[in-house]
C-alpha atoms as a PDB file:
ATOM      1  CA  MET A   1     -54.088  30.548  74.374  1.00  0.00           C
ATOM      2  CA  ALA A   2     -54.515  28.416  77.464  1.00  0.00           C
ATOM      3  CA  VAL A   3     -52.771  28.282  80.791  1.00  0.00           C
ATOM      4  CA  GLU A   4     -51.926  24.809  81.977  1.00  0.00           C
ATOM      5  CA  SER A   5     -52.005  23.846  85.608  1.00  0.00           C
ATOM      6  CA  SER A   6     -51.752  20.433  87.125  1.00  0.00           C
ATOM      7  CA  SER A   7     -53.074  19.096  90.393  1.00  0.00           C
ATOM      8  CA  SER A   8     -51.424  16.650  92.738  1.00  0.00           C
ATOM      9  CA  THR A   9     -53.172  13.830  90.916  1.00  0.00           C
ATOM     10  CA  THR A  10     -52.352  12.763  87.376  1.00  0.00           C
ATOM     11  CA  THR A  11     -55.094  14.989  85.934  1.00  0.00           C
ATOM     12  CA  THR A  12     -54.019  18.027  83.940  1.00  0.00           C
ATOM     13  CA  ILE A  13     -56.595  20.801  83.837  1.00  0.00           C
ATOM     14  CA  ILE A  14     -56.404  23.361  81.059  1.00  0.00           C
ATOM     15  CA  HIS A  15     -58.078  26.702  81.761  1.00  0.00           C
ATOM     16  CA  PRO A  16     -58.656  29.130  78.884  1.00  0.00           C
ATOM     17  CA  SER A  17     -56.814  32.361  79.499  1.00  0.00           C
ATOM     18  CA  SER A  18     -58.721  35.610  79.966  1.00  0.00           C
ATOM     19  CA  PRO A  19     -57.519  37.152  76.673  1.00  0.00           C
ATOM     20  CA  ALA A  20     -58.470  33.993  74.766  1.00  0.00           C
ATOM     21  CA  SER A  21     -61.907  33.939  76.392  1.00  0.00           C
ATOM     22  CA  LEU A  22     -62.410  37.623  75.586  1.00  0.00           C
ATOM     23  CA  GLY A  23     -61.346  37.011  71.980  1.00  0.00           C
ATOM     24  CA  LEU A  24     -63.813  34.136  71.654  1.00  0.00           C
ATOM     25  CA  LEU A  25     -66.568  36.322  73.103  1.00  0.00           C
ATOM     26  CA  LEU A  26     -65.701  39.061  70.590  1.00  0.00           C
ATOM     27  CA  ALA A  27     -65.950  36.469  67.797  1.00  0.00           C
ATOM     28  CA  ARG A  28     -69.214  34.951  69.053  1.00  0.00           C
ATOM     29  CA  VAL A  29     -71.175  38.187  69.413  1.00  0.00           C
ATOM     30  CA  PRO A  30     -70.887  39.530  65.828  1.00  0.00           C
ATOM     31  CA  LEU A  31     -71.528  36.120  64.292  1.00  0.00           C
ATOM     32  CA  GLY A  32     -74.575  35.611  66.506  1.00  0.00           C
ATOM     33  CA  LEU A  33     -75.832  39.106  65.665  1.00  0.00           C
ATOM     34  CA  PHE A  34     -75.311  38.403  61.952  1.00  0.00           C
ATOM     35  CA  PHE A  35     -77.646  35.417  62.184  1.00  0.00           C
ATOM     36  CA  ILE A  36     -80.225  37.317  64.260  1.00  0.00           C
ATOM     37  CA  VAL A  37     -80.250  40.287  61.857  1.00  0.00           C
ATOM     38  CA  ALA A  38     -80.566  37.921  58.878  1.00  0.00           C
ATOM     39  CA  ALA A  39     -83.618  36.332  60.539  1.00  0.00           C
ATOM     40  CA  ILE A  40     -85.171  39.721  61.294  1.00  0.00           C
ATOM     41  CA  GLN A  41     -84.764  40.696  57.633  1.00  0.00           C
ATOM     42  CA  LYS A  42     -86.676  37.579  56.630  1.00  0.00           C
ATOM     43  CA  PHE A  43     -89.504  38.458  59.035  1.00  0.00           C
ATOM     44  CA  ARG A  44     -89.618  42.042  57.722  1.00  0.00           C
ATOM     45  CA  MET A  45     -89.931  41.061  54.045  1.00  0.00           C
ATOM     46  CA  GLU A  46     -93.177  41.764  52.282  1.00  0.00           C
ATOM     47  CA  LYS A  47     -95.562  38.995  53.425  1.00  0.00           C
ATOM     48  CA  GLY A  48     -93.068  38.034  56.153  1.00  0.00           C
ATOM     49  CA  VAL A  49     -91.642  34.536  56.195  1.00  0.00           C
ATOM     50  CA  ALA A  50     -94.109  33.426  53.509  1.00  0.00           C
ATOM     51  CA  GLY A  51     -92.659  36.089  51.195  1.00  0.00           C
ATOM     52  CA  PHE A  52     -89.142  34.860  51.935  1.00  0.00           C
ATOM     53  CA  VAL A  53     -90.199  31.274  51.173  1.00  0.00           C
ATOM     54  CA  GLU A  54     -91.796  32.288  47.857  1.00  0.00           C
ATOM     55  CA  TYR A  55     -88.732  34.322  46.895  1.00  0.00           C
ATOM     56  CA  SER A  56     -86.269  31.532  47.769  1.00  0.00           C
ATOM     57  CA  MET A  57     -88.186  28.501  46.472  1.00  0.00           C
ATOM     58  CA  PRO A  58     -86.746  28.540  42.909  1.00  0.00           C
ATOM     59  CA  LEU A  59     -83.192  28.474  44.268  1.00  0.00           C
ATOM     60  CA  ALA A  60     -83.916  25.903  46.977  1.00  0.00           C
ATOM     61  CA  THR A  61     -85.685  23.458  44.670  1.00  0.00           C
ATOM     62  CA  LYS A  62     -82.471  23.088  42.666  1.00  0.00           C
ATOM     63  CA  TYR A  63     -80.975  21.193  45.614  1.00  0.00           C
ATOM     64  CA  MET A  64     -83.947  19.502  47.337  1.00  0.00           C
ATOM     65  CA  SER A  65     -87.540  18.484  46.822  1.00  0.00           C
ATOM     66  CA  GLU A  66     -90.224  21.163  46.903  1.00  0.00           C
ATOM     67  CA  ASN A  67     -91.746  19.888  50.150  1.00  0.00           C
ATOM     68  CA  LEU A  68     -88.383  19.731  51.936  1.00  0.00           C
ATOM     69  CA  ALA A  69     -87.386  23.134  50.564  1.00  0.00           C
ATOM     70  CA  ARG A  70     -90.618  24.725  51.800  1.00  0.00           C
ATOM     71  CA  GLN A  71     -90.216  23.220  55.285  1.00  0.00           C
ATOM     72  CA  SER A  72     -86.554  24.208  55.505  1.00  0.00           C
ATOM     73  CA  LEU A  73     -87.176  27.766  54.354  1.00  0.00           C
ATOM     74  CA  ASN A  74     -90.069  28.180  56.794  1.00  0.00           C
ATOM     75  CA  ALA A  75     -87.893  26.993  59.690  1.00  0.00           C
ATOM     76  CA  LEU A  76     -84.762  28.947  58.711  1.00  0.00           C
ATOM     77  CA  PRO A  77     -85.561  32.338  60.326  1.00  0.00           C
ATOM     78  CA  TYR A  78     -86.505  30.709  63.621  1.00  0.00           C
ATOM     79  CA  ALA A  79     -83.377  28.546  63.558  1.00  0.00           C
ATOM     80  CA  GLU A  80     -81.227  31.599  62.825  1.00  0.00           C
ATOM     81  CA  ILE A  81     -82.607  33.443  65.848  1.00  0.00           C
ATOM     82  CA  VAL A  82     -82.135  30.482  68.182  1.00  0.00           C
ATOM     83  CA  LEU A  83     -78.618  29.769  66.891  1.00  0.00           C
ATOM     84  CA  GLY A  84     -77.664  33.449  67.147  1.00  0.00           C
ATOM     85  CA  LEU A  85     -78.900  33.701  70.736  1.00  0.00           C
ATOM     86  CA  PHE A  86     -77.210  30.443  71.727  1.00  0.00           C
ATOM     87  CA  LEU A  87     -73.913  31.568  70.213  1.00  0.00           C
ATOM     88  CA  ILE A  88     -73.982  34.985  71.872  1.00  0.00           C
ATOM     89  CA  ALA A  89     -74.778  33.434  75.247  1.00  0.00           C
ATOM     90  CA  GLY A  90     -72.236  30.670  74.708  1.00  0.00           C
ATOM     91  CA  LEU A  91     -74.726  27.856  75.245  1.00  0.00           C
ATOM     92  CA  LEU A  92     -73.946  24.555  73.485  1.00  0.00           C
ATOM     93  CA  THR A  93     -71.355  26.614  71.654  1.00  0.00           C
ATOM     94  CA  ARG A  94     -69.441  23.992  69.687  1.00  0.00           C
ATOM     95  CA  PHE A  95     -72.631  22.345  68.430  1.00  0.00           C
ATOM     96  CA  THR A  96     -74.192  25.726  67.592  1.00  0.00           C
ATOM     97  CA  ALA A  97     -71.082  26.864  65.701  1.00  0.00           C
ATOM     98  CA  ALA A  98     -71.014  23.562  63.763  1.00  0.00           C
ATOM     99  CA  ILE A  99     -74.655  24.013  62.686  1.00  0.00           C
ATOM    100  CA  MET A 100     -73.899  27.617  61.705  1.00  0.00           C
ATOM    101  CA  ALA A 101     -70.904  26.467  59.647  1.00  0.00           C
ATOM    102  CA  LEU A 102     -73.083  23.946  57.807  1.00  0.00           C
ATOM    103  CA  LEU A 103     -75.702  26.620  57.129  1.00  0.00           C
ATOM    104  CA  LEU A 104     -73.060  29.044  55.851  1.00  0.00           C
ATOM    105  CA  ILE A 105     -71.639  26.374  53.541  1.00  0.00           C
ATOM    106  CA  SER A 106     -75.121  25.620  52.197  1.00  0.00           C
ATOM    107  CA  PHE A 107     -75.845  29.343  51.663  1.00  0.00           C
ATOM    108  CA  THR A 108     -72.590  29.832  49.774  1.00  0.00           C
ATOM    109  CA  VAL A 109     -73.129  26.745  47.611  1.00  0.00           C
ATOM    110  CA  ALA A 110     -76.771  27.604  46.947  1.00  0.00           C
ATOM    111  CA  LEU A 111     -75.893  31.124  45.873  1.00  0.00           C
ATOM    112  CA  GLY A 112     -73.467  29.580  43.413  1.00  0.00           C
ATOM    113  CA  SER A 113     -71.144  32.491  43.810  1.00  0.00           C
ATOM    114  CA  ALA A 114     -68.058  32.328  41.640  1.00  0.00           C
ATOM    115  CA  ALA A 115     -66.435  34.527  44.260  1.00  0.00           C
ATOM    116  CA  ALA A 116     -66.268  31.565  46.612  1.00  0.00           C
ATOM    117  CA  PHE A 117     -63.695  30.139  44.220  1.00  0.00           C
ATOM    118  CA  GLY A 118     -61.452  33.187  43.830  1.00  0.00           C
ATOM    119  CA  GLN A 119     -63.247  35.281  41.192  1.00  0.00           C
ATOM    120  CA  ILE A 120     -64.698  38.747  41.741  1.00  0.00           C
ATOM    121  CA  ASP A 121     -68.288  38.524  43.016  1.00  0.00           C
ATOM    122  CA  PRO A 122     -70.443  40.676  40.698  1.00  0.00           C
ATOM    123  CA  GLN A 123     -72.929  41.516  43.478  1.00  0.00           C
ATOM    124  CA  THR A 124     -70.559  42.554  46.248  1.00  0.00           C
ATOM    125  CA  LYS A 125     -67.524  43.498  44.082  1.00  0.00           C
ATOM    126  CA  MET A 126     -65.401  41.580  46.566  1.00  0.00           C
ATOM    127  CA  PRO A 127     -62.728  39.003  45.716  1.00  0.00           C
ATOM    128  CA  PHE A 128     -64.521  36.418  47.871  1.00  0.00           C
ATOM    129  CA  HIS A 129     -67.972  35.823  49.286  1.00  0.00           C
ATOM    130  CA  PRO A 130     -68.479  37.391  52.759  1.00  0.00           C
ATOM    131  CA  ASN A 131     -69.968  34.113  53.999  1.00  0.00           C
ATOM    132  CA  LEU A 132     -66.455  32.645  53.836  1.00  0.00           C
ATOM    133  CA  VAL A 133     -65.339  35.061  56.578  1.00  0.00           C
ATOM    134  CA  PHE A 134     -68.320  34.066  58.712  1.00  0.00           C
ATOM    135  CA  LEU A 135     -67.582  30.409  57.980  1.00  0.00           C
ATOM    136  CA  GLY A 136     -64.002  30.831  59.204  1.00  0.00           C
ATOM    137  CA  THR A 137     -65.247  32.472  62.384  1.00  0.00           C
ATOM    138  CA  ALA A 138     -67.799  29.710  62.998  1.00  0.00           C
ATOM    139  CA  LEU A 139     -65.155  27.017  62.473  1.00  0.00           C
ATOM    140  CA  ALA A 140     -62.726  28.773  64.830  1.00  0.00           C
ATOM    141  CA  ILE A 141     -65.387  28.975  67.537  1.00  0.00           C
ATOM    142  CA  MET A 142     -66.334  25.341  66.942  1.00  0.00           C
ATOM    143  CA  LEU A 143     -62.729  24.170  67.284  1.00  0.00           C
ATOM    144  CA  CYS A 144     -61.650  26.469  70.148  1.00  0.00           C
ATOM    145  CA  GLY A 145     -64.807  26.337  72.235  1.00  0.00           C
ATOM    146  CA  PRO A 146     -66.569  29.194  73.965  1.00  0.00           C
ATOM    147  CA  GLY A 147     -63.990  30.248  76.563  1.00  0.00           C
ATOM    148  CA  TRP A 148     -64.973  30.844  80.164  1.00  0.00           C
ATOM    149  CA  MET A 149     -66.975  34.022  79.341  1.00  0.00           C
ATOM    150  CA  SER A 150     -69.997  31.949  78.326  1.00  0.00           C
ATOM    151  CA  VAL A 151     -72.774  29.858  79.783  1.00  0.00           C
ATOM    152  CA  ASP A 152     -70.850  26.723  78.785  1.00  0.00           C
ATOM    153  CA  GLY A 153     -67.723  28.090  80.461  1.00  0.00           C
ATOM    154  CA  MET A 154     -69.596  28.755  83.684  1.00  0.00           C
ATOM    155  CA  LEU A 155     -71.532  25.478  83.752  1.00  0.00           C
ATOM    156  CA  PHE A 156     -68.918  23.049  82.496  1.00  0.00           C
ATOM    157  CA  ARG A 157     -65.646  24.540  83.688  1.00  0.00           C
ATOM    158  CA  PRO A 158     -63.286  22.151  85.417  1.00  0.00           C
ATOM    159  CA  ARG A 159     -63.758  22.158  89.164  1.00  0.00           C
ATOM    160  CA  ARG A 160     -60.817  22.328  91.523  1.00  0.00           C
ATOM    161  CA  ARG A 161     -60.183  18.986  93.141  1.00  0.00           C
ATOM    162  CA  TRP A 162     -59.533  18.840  96.827  1.00  0.00           C
ATOM    163  CA  VAL A 163     -56.844  16.390  97.819  1.00  0.00           C
ATOM    164  CA  ALA A 164     -56.420  15.564 101.500  1.00  0.00           C
ATOM    165  CA  PRO A 165     -52.906  16.066 102.778  1.00  0.00           C
ATOM    166  CA  PRO A 166     -51.119  12.918 103.950  1.00  0.00           C
ATOM    167  CA  GLY A 167     -52.050  11.931 107.501  1.00  0.00           C
ATOM    168  CA  ASP A 168     -55.206  14.053 107.555  1.00  0.00           C
ATOM    169  CA  GLU A 169     -57.803  12.444 109.799  1.00  0.00           C
ATOM    170  CA  TYR A 170     -60.726  14.077 107.931  1.00  0.00           C
ATOM    171  CA  VAL A 171     -60.180  12.323 104.617  1.00  0.00           C
ATOM    172  CA  ASN A 172     -63.880  11.789 103.935  1.00  0.00           C
ATOM    173  CA  GLU A 173     -64.923  15.395 104.616  1.00  0.00           C
ATOM    174  CA  ARG A 174     -64.586  18.245 102.152  1.00  0.00           C
ATOM    175  CA  PRO A 175     -64.006  21.798 103.320  1.00  0.00           C
ATOM    176  CA  ALA A 176     -66.849  24.226 102.611  1.00  0.00           C
ATOM    177  CA  GLY A 177     -66.594  26.085  99.301  1.00  0.00           C
ATOM    178  CA  LEU A 178     -64.513  23.519  97.412  1.00  0.00           C
END
């Protein structure tokens, strides 16, 4: 998944390979779009976000106080859009994927789906809850990172070190472009 190269110093720099970076991009985009579409659905409900909050309050108050549930549910669509955009762009990718994984775990637990534990889900008729697939994708992105096809990859990629050859009289000067 990564190509190792070492410099003349003791530092080993690991660059993600192009296929691995493309694979991570192809994992980030659908997961980010899933979160964005979920947020748009909440905005398009009858009465908008307020309708979503009213609809979800009975379920949310099982796990938290009414005030906290109301605040969390009001913020959720906006957080989903921001997280989806960040993940697609590959900005703060590991942190974003970790937050998404926590949200997916909370959604699955809150829904109380028996399918999460190996039984057939009566709503989806699937042997597992679809959020588990999204959770696996979020965890993979969190653990592997964004790859170089991302904002993080462009901003924080390892830079090539310039090492002066022995006996070079211009030791303190760096060539242009390095």
